[in-house]
Amino acid sequence: MYEWAKEMNCAVTVCDTKGVILFMNDKACKTFAKHGDLIGKNLFDCHNLQSQEKIREMLATGGSNAYTIEKNGIKKMIYQTPWFNEGVVSGLVEISMELPEEMPHHIRK
């Protein structure tokens, strides 16, 4: 089911509506390797209360969340969005991608 994401050059993590991690691609596994195998674990256990509330909000409303971070000199964009099954929120997908130092911004008409 997730073959398309397995070797992507960004970290992809998928959870269900209870926060149980269903899938992590190769890059996500490498990123969180120090925490061991997280598939089957609950992502609420590794997030602070503010993040837990944001996750619950997205699961309840079907809304998305996007932000940037910088860690160890590497800038990343984090995009979190629900996935649906027959129109019902079934969990969340997080895509984390490294951003280049300088990135063009284009305005299209």
Protein backbone atom coordinates (compact mmCIF):
# COMPACT_ATOMS: atom_id res chain seq x y z
CA MET A 1 0.00 0.00 0.00
CA TYR A 2 2.83 2.43 0.78
CA GLU A 3 5.33 1.30 -1.87
CA TRP A 4 5.29 4.76 -3.47
CA ALA A 5 6.64 6.32 -0.27
CA LYS A 6 9.19 3.72 0.86
CA GLU A 7 12.28 5.26 -0.76
CA MET A 8 11.18 8.91 -1.08
CA ASN A 9 13.75 11.57 -0.23
CA CYS A 10 11.56 12.91 2.54
CA ALA A 11 10.35 11.33 5.75
CA VAL A 12 6.79 9.95 5.60
CA THR A 13 4.96 8.75 8.71
CA VAL A 14 1.36 7.51 8.77
CA CYS A 15 -0.80 6.93 11.84
CA ASP A 16 -4.39 5.88 12.51
CA THR A 17 -7.03 7.88 14.40
CA LYS A 18 -5.72 6.68 17.76
CA GLY A 19 -2.18 7.85 16.95
CA VAL A 20 -0.78 4.36 16.35
CA ILE A 21 2.01 4.52 13.76
CA LEU A 22 1.10 2.32 10.79
CA PHE A 23 3.97 3.14 8.44
CA MET A 24 7.30 4.91 8.35
CA ASN A 25 9.31 5.08 5.15
CA ASP A 26 13.06 4.46 5.04
CA LYS A 27 13.98 8.12 5.69
CA ALA A 28 11.56 8.43 8.64
CA CYS A 29 12.96 5.22 10.16
CA LYS A 30 16.50 6.58 9.75
CA THR A 31 15.52 9.96 11.24
CA PHE A 32 14.07 8.34 14.38
CA ALA A 33 16.41 5.31 14.54
CA LYS A 34 17.64 6.21 18.03
CA HIS A 35 14.09 5.59 19.31
CA GLY A 36 13.96 2.06 17.87
CA ASP A 37 11.16 0.60 15.75
CA LEU A 38 8.22 2.98 16.17
CA ILE A 39 5.72 1.14 13.96
CA GLY A 40 2.89 -0.01 16.21
CA LYS A 41 3.79 2.58 18.85
CA ASN A 42 1.61 5.57 19.70
CA LEU A 43 2.84 8.97 18.55
CA PHE A 44 1.09 10.66 21.46
CA ASP A 45 3.76 9.10 23.69
CA CYS A 46 6.52 11.11 22.01
CA HIS A 47 4.82 14.52 21.67
CA ASN A 48 4.30 17.29 24.21
CA LEU A 49 0.80 18.38 25.30
CA GLN A 50 0.61 21.24 22.80
CA SER A 51 1.50 18.92 19.91
CA GLN A 52 -0.94 16.29 21.17
CA GLU A 53 -3.74 18.88 21.10
CA LYS A 54 -2.85 19.86 17.52
CA ILE A 55 -2.92 16.20 16.48
CA ARG A 56 -6.32 15.70 18.14
CA GLU A 57 -7.63 18.83 16.43
CA MET A 58 -6.54 17.64 12.98
CA LEU A 59 -8.09 14.22 13.59
CA ALA A 60 -11.36 15.81 14.74
CA THR A 61 -11.67 18.48 12.06
CA GLY A 62 -9.80 17.05 9.08
CA GLY A 63 -7.57 20.13 9.07
CA SER A 64 -3.90 20.29 8.09
CA ASN A 65 -0.83 21.79 9.72
CA ALA A 66 2.36 23.12 8.10
CA TYR A 67 5.47 24.71 9.60
CA THR A 68 9.22 24.89 9.23
CA ILE A 69 11.92 23.90 11.70
CA GLU A 70 15.69 24.04 11.88
CA LYS A 71 17.65 21.36 13.71
CA ASN A 72 21.40 20.81 13.58
CA GLY A 73 21.65 23.43 10.82
CA ILE A 74 19.14 21.62 8.57
CA LYS A 75 15.93 23.41 7.66
CA LYS A 76 12.83 21.28 7.15
CA MET A 77 9.23 21.81 6.17
CA ILE A 78 6.74 19.68 8.07
CA TYR A 79 3.33 19.05 6.51
CA GLN A 80 0.72 17.12 8.47
CA THR A 81 -2.61 16.25 6.93
CA PRO A 82 -5.35 13.68 7.43
CA TRP A 83 -5.86 10.70 5.19
CA PHE A 84 -9.38 9.57 4.47
CA ASN A 85 -11.22 6.32 3.81
CA GLU A 86 -14.61 6.77 2.13
CA GLY A 87 -14.67 10.42 3.21
CA VAL A 88 -13.92 9.73 6.90
CA VAL A 89 -10.69 10.83 8.60
CA SER A 90 -8.73 7.62 9.15
CA GLY A 91 -5.48 9.04 10.50
CA LEU A 92 -2.69 11.46 9.69
CA VAL A 93 0.24 11.61 7.31
CA GLU A 94 3.33 13.65 8.13
CA ILE A 95 5.80 14.55 5.40
CA SER A 96 9.08 16.10 6.50
CA MET A 97 11.35 17.43 3.76
CA GLU A 98 14.73 19.12 3.94
CA LEU A 99 14.78 22.61 2.47
CA PRO A 100 17.74 24.04 0.58
CA GLU A 101 19.59 27.01 2.08
CA GLU A 102 18.21 29.26 -0.66
CA MET A 103 14.90 28.38 -2.19
CA PRO A 104 13.24 30.22 -5.06
CA HIS A 105 9.69 31.46 -4.56
CA HIS A 106 7.57 31.79 -7.69
CA ILE A 107 4.28 33.63 -8.02
CA ARG A 108 2.14 32.11 -10.75
CA LYS A 109 -0.89 33.62 -12.44
